[in-house]
Each structure stands twice: as C-alpha cells, then as structure tokens.
C-alpha cells in the first residue's frame, strides 16, 4: 500500500489548505460528497446489521469479554466497535482496558487498537488521564486483536488494515471541522478516515510498524 492510496481518499472528501473557519470550507465539492456518503451508509440497514452481527459472534467466542458496543457517533465517518475487555474499580478510581475497531465509510480501510485508561471520579467531576494506546497485538489484548483482525478480513476481503504509522501521519494544511486538535496541529489520517479523536498524542505501546 502506498501513501498516495490513502491521500487520494482524503483529498476526495476534505479541502486541503482551507481553514475550517473559512466559509469556502463548506463549499468544497468534497464536503458535499462526504455528506452524501455518510447519509448513504447510515440509511443502509443491511450494512449496520452485518457489522453488529460480526461483533455478536466475536463476543460469543470470547465470553469473558464484558461488553461489545457497536454504536457509532454521528460525527464519525466509520462503523465503530468498543470492546470492554477488563474493568477494575477501587473506591473512586476506575481502570479500563478496551479494544477499538473502526471501518471507514470513505475508503477500503479499517484499524484496530487497544486503549488502557484510568479515571478518578470525584463528587463534582471526573478526572481522566491520557490513555495508553496499544497499536499491535501485545500482552493481554493479543488474542483479541489478532482474532478480530482475521474475522474482519474474512468478512470484508476488499478492505485493508491500516497500521498505526499511517494513522499517525498528519496531512499538511488539513484541519477538519470537529477534529480535536491543538492550535499548531493539522488533522491526522486517523481523524480523516475514522473518528475525530486526537489519538496520535497518546502514549504508545507496541510496534507502530506492525502490518
């Protein structure tokens, strides 16, 4: 896979070099194509059922999994799954280990990564610490990671797994509306094809070159 294969998809739907606050941003023809594509996917009940069934079967084969949520946020441009592998609570401190999988609406790409998080619940609010991102089959997520990847590639033979070193790449002069970005940052490949979360700023565990 070449970077141009991914970049061509990004250029099709997003304006490069136009500030997201500029009125011209919404006038870009790709913005209209993106809107139509998202509406097309969301109206396809067959595609939704296919995605949900895949994770029902996955959870059935791994009964120790606590939960498998396949609901996607409207702001995302992908089908998503959030698999809760482990959760521990000690007083007001919660530690979770989850596996995430995303299948892009915009191109033939999917990704998988684990996320380890700790948050502290107080009387007024919840303090969250930056998560640890697990980007390849490692330790406790190894069996789930590898099994899920095989299942997806069998169910969707036309799509390709995107390694983290592609997800991590930022597209020069691209700042996507609703993306979580710092002032100096451009949007990443992950934010363009999957969710707007700024995962490239998290701590990483595993082989970023795993493919």
Protein backbone atom coordinates (compact mmCIF):
# COMPACT_ATOMS: atom_id res chain seq x y z
CA UNK A 1 0.00 0.00 0.00
CA UNK A 2 1.27 3.46 -0.90
CA UNK A 3 0.52 6.66 0.97
CA UNK A 4 -1.00 8.02 -2.24
CA UNK A 5 -3.77 5.38 -1.97
CA UNK A 6 -4.80 6.89 1.35
CA UNK A 7 -4.10 10.52 0.45
CA UNK A 8 -6.31 10.33 -2.67
CA UNK A 9 -9.28 9.34 -0.49
CA UNK A 10 -8.61 12.20 1.94
CA UNK A 11 -8.38 14.73 -0.92
CA UNK A 12 -11.65 13.47 -2.36
CA UNK A 13 -13.62 14.46 0.72
CA UNK A 14 -11.64 17.19 2.52
CA UNK A 15 -10.30 20.60 1.44
CA UNK A 16 -6.54 20.81 1.83
CA UNK A 17 -5.22 24.25 2.70
CA UNK A 18 -8.57 25.88 3.53
CA UNK A 19 -9.08 26.91 7.13
CA UNK A 20 -12.01 25.15 8.76
CA UNK A 21 -13.46 28.53 9.80
CA UNK A 22 -13.34 29.85 6.23
CA UNK A 23 -16.80 29.93 4.53
CA UNK A 24 -15.16 28.32 1.49
CA UNK A 25 -14.56 25.18 3.54
CA UNK A 26 -18.20 24.08 3.36
CA UNK A 27 -18.37 24.99 -0.34
CA UNK A 28 -15.68 22.49 -1.25
CA UNK A 29 -17.28 19.86 -3.52
CA UNK A 30 -15.78 17.06 -1.43
CA UNK A 31 -17.72 18.25 1.62
CA UNK A 32 -20.95 17.56 -0.25
CA UNK A 33 -19.67 14.16 -1.36
CA UNK A 34 -18.82 13.33 2.26
CA UNK A 35 -22.28 14.33 3.45
CA UNK A 36 -23.92 12.18 0.77
CA UNK A 37 -21.66 9.24 1.57
CA UNK A 38 -22.44 9.36 5.29
CA UNK A 39 -26.19 9.57 4.59
CA UNK A 40 -25.91 6.62 2.20
CA UNK A 41 -24.15 4.46 4.80
CA UNK A 42 -26.44 5.42 7.67
CA UNK A 43 -29.51 4.56 5.61
CA UNK A 44 -28.22 1.07 4.82
CA UNK A 45 -29.71 -1.20 7.47
CA UNK A 46 -28.10 -4.24 5.86
CA UNK A 47 -24.60 -2.81 6.41
CA UNK A 48 -25.37 -1.98 10.04
CA UNK A 49 -26.68 -5.48 10.73
CA UNK A 50 -23.64 -7.04 9.06
CA UNK A 51 -21.32 -5.03 11.33
CA UNK A 52 -23.29 -5.75 14.50
CA UNK A 53 -23.52 -9.47 13.77
CA UNK A 54 -19.75 -9.71 13.39
CA UNK A 55 -19.27 -8.48 16.96
CA UNK A 56 -22.08 -10.57 18.39
CA UNK A 57 -20.25 -13.64 17.11
CA UNK A 58 -16.93 -12.30 18.36
CA UNK A 59 -18.31 -11.79 21.86
CA UNK A 60 -19.91 -15.25 21.79
CA UNK A 61 -16.49 -16.82 21.10
CA UNK A 62 -14.90 -14.80 23.92
CA UNK A 63 -17.48 -14.97 26.74
CA UNK A 64 -15.07 -13.31 29.18
CA UNK A 65 -15.49 -10.03 27.27
CA UNK A 66 -17.62 -7.70 29.38
CA UNK A 67 -19.29 -5.74 26.58
CA UNK A 68 -19.18 -5.06 22.83
CA UNK A 69 -20.75 -1.77 21.80
CA UNK A 70 -21.21 -1.12 18.07
CA UNK A 71 -22.97 2.25 18.25
CA UNK A 72 -21.23 4.95 16.20
CA UNK A 73 -21.23 8.67 16.87
CA UNK A 74 -22.82 10.85 14.16
CA UNK A 75 -19.60 12.89 13.89
CA UNK A 76 -17.57 9.80 12.95
CA UNK A 77 -17.07 8.64 9.37
CA UNK A 78 -16.83 4.97 10.21
CA UNK A 79 -18.51 1.97 11.74
CA UNK A 80 -17.10 1.53 15.22
CA UNK A 81 -16.88 -1.12 17.91
CA UNK A 82 -15.81 -0.65 21.51
CA UNK A 83 -14.97 -3.92 23.27
CA UNK A 84 -14.61 -3.83 27.03
CA UNK A 85 -12.02 -6.44 27.98
CA UNK A 86 -11.42 -5.57 31.59
CA UNK A 87 -12.65 -3.08 34.19
CA UNK A 88 -11.44 -2.64 37.76
CA UNK A 89 -12.79 -0.21 40.35
CA UNK A 90 -11.02 0.64 43.58
CA UNK A 91 -13.03 3.20 45.53
CA UNK A 92 -13.30 6.20 43.19
CA UNK A 93 -10.61 5.04 40.73
CA UNK A 94 -11.56 3.07 37.61
CA UNK A 95 -9.16 1.28 35.28
CA UNK A 96 -10.43 0.01 31.91
CA UNK A 97 -8.93 -1.94 29.05
CA UNK A 98 -10.77 -1.73 25.74
CA UNK A 99 -10.24 -2.79 22.16
CA UNK A 100 -11.46 -0.46 19.41
CA UNK A 101 -12.15 -1.23 15.78
CA UNK A 102 -13.18 1.20 13.04
CA UNK A 103 -14.25 0.56 9.44
CA UNK A 104 -14.15 3.70 7.30
CA UNK A 105 -17.14 4.88 5.25
CA UNK A 106 -14.82 6.78 2.90
CA UNK A 107 -12.30 4.20 1.73
CA UNK A 108 -11.46 0.48 1.95
CA UNK A 109 -9.67 0.78 5.28
CA UNK A 110 -10.03 -0.44 8.86
CA UNK A 111 -7.97 -0.16 12.04
CA UNK A 112 -7.74 -1.83 15.45
CA UNK A 113 -6.10 -0.62 18.64
CA UNK A 114 -6.33 -1.14 22.37
CA UNK A 115 -6.78 1.61 24.92
CA UNK A 116 -5.92 1.47 28.60
CA UNK A 117 -7.46 4.26 30.69
CA UNK A 118 -7.61 5.44 34.28
CA UNK A 119 -10.06 8.00 35.59
CA UNK A 120 -10.92 9.30 39.02
CA UNK A 121 -14.50 10.10 39.91
CA UNK A 122 -14.99 13.00 42.30
CA UNK A 123 -18.15 14.49 43.77
CA UNK A 124 -18.31 17.21 41.13
CA UNK A 125 -16.49 15.84 38.08
CA UNK A 126 -14.36 13.05 36.63
CA UNK A 127 -10.63 13.43 36.07
CA UNK A 128 -9.34 11.45 33.09
CA UNK A 129 -5.70 10.74 32.43
CA UNK A 130 -4.25 10.41 28.93
CA UNK A 131 -4.74 6.79 27.84
CA UNK A 132 -2.15 4.28 26.75
CA UNK A 133 -2.74 3.20 23.14
CA UNK A 134 -1.90 -0.40 22.22
CA UNK A 135 -1.20 -0.41 18.47
CA UNK A 136 -0.29 -4.05 17.80
CA UNK A 137 -1.01 -7.50 19.32
CA UNK A 138 0.55 -7.12 22.75
CA UNK A 139 0.15 -8.85 26.10
CA UNK A 140 -3.49 -9.19 27.24
CA UNK A 141 -5.05 -7.89 24.00
CA UNK A 142 -3.00 -10.15 21.71
CA UNK A 143 -5.58 -12.92 21.17
CA UNK A 144 -8.48 -10.48 20.78
CA UNK A 145 -6.53 -8.20 18.44
CA UNK A 146 -5.39 -10.99 16.10
CA UNK A 147 -8.70 -12.84 16.13
CA UNK A 148 -10.70 -9.70 15.40
CA UNK A 149 -8.43 -8.71 12.54
CA UNK A 150 -8.80 -12.16 10.95
CA UNK A 151 -12.58 -12.03 11.27
CA UNK A 152 -12.84 -8.60 9.68
CA UNK A 153 -10.58 -9.54 6.79
CA UNK A 154 -12.68 -12.64 6.18
CA UNK A 155 -15.97 -10.70 6.36
CA UNK A 156 -14.68 -7.73 4.32
CA UNK A 157 -12.00 -9.12 1.95
CA UNK A 158 -11.99 -5.89 -0.05
CA UNK A 159 -10.69 -3.69 2.78
CA UNK A 160 -7.18 -3.20 4.13
CA UNK A 161 -5.74 -2.89 7.61
CA UNK A 162 -4.08 0.47 8.26
CA UNK A 163 -1.04 0.26 10.56
CA UNK A 164 -0.57 2.94 13.18
CA UNK A 165 2.31 4.57 11.29
CA UNK A 166 -0.26 5.58 8.63
CA UNK A 167 -2.92 6.58 11.16
CA UNK A 168 -0.34 8.71 12.96
CA UNK A 169 0.58 10.73 9.87
CA UNK A 170 -0.79 14.28 9.78
CA UNK A 171 -1.91 15.79 6.48
CA UNK A 172 -0.22 19.11 5.90
CA UNK A 173 -2.68 22.04 5.77
CA UNK A 174 -5.70 19.89 6.68
CA UNK A 175 -7.80 20.92 9.68
CA UNK A 176 -11.07 19.00 9.75
CA UNK A 177 -14.16 20.54 11.31
CA UNK A 178 -14.98 18.91 14.70
CA UNK A 179 -11.46 17.41 14.98
CA UNK A 180 -9.87 17.58 18.40
CA UNK A 181 -6.66 19.48 17.62
CA UNK A 182 -4.09 21.62 19.33
CA UNK A 183 -3.53 25.08 17.90
CA UNK A 184 -0.49 24.15 15.81
CA UNK A 185 -1.69 20.74 14.61
CA UNK A 186 -3.09 19.53 11.30
CA UNK A 187 -5.59 16.68 11.19
CA UNK A 188 -4.28 13.12 11.01
CA UNK A 189 -5.14 10.28 8.65
CA UNK A 190 -6.99 8.67 11.55
CA UNK A 191 -9.17 11.77 12.02
CA UNK A 192 -9.90 11.97 8.30
CA UNK A 193 -10.92 8.33 7.83
CA UNK A 194 -12.25 7.26 11.23
CA UNK A 195 -13.01 9.41 14.29
CA UNK A 196 -12.10 12.97 15.25
CA UNK A 197 -10.25 11.87 18.40
CA UNK A 198 -6.65 13.05 18.60
CA UNK A 199 -5.18 9.61 19.34
CA UNK A 200 -1.77 10.44 17.88
CA UNK A 201 -0.92 12.45 21.02
CA UNK A 202 -1.37 9.47 23.36
CA UNK A 203 1.39 7.27 24.76
CA UNK A 204 2.01 4.22 22.59
CA UNK A 205 2.63 0.56 23.44
CA UNK A 206 3.53 -1.93 20.74
CA UNK A 207 5.04 -1.95 17.25
CA UNK A 208 3.92 1.13 15.31
CA UNK A 209 5.15 -0.57 12.10
CA UNK A 210 3.02 -3.69 12.66
CA UNK A 211 1.13 -4.51 9.49
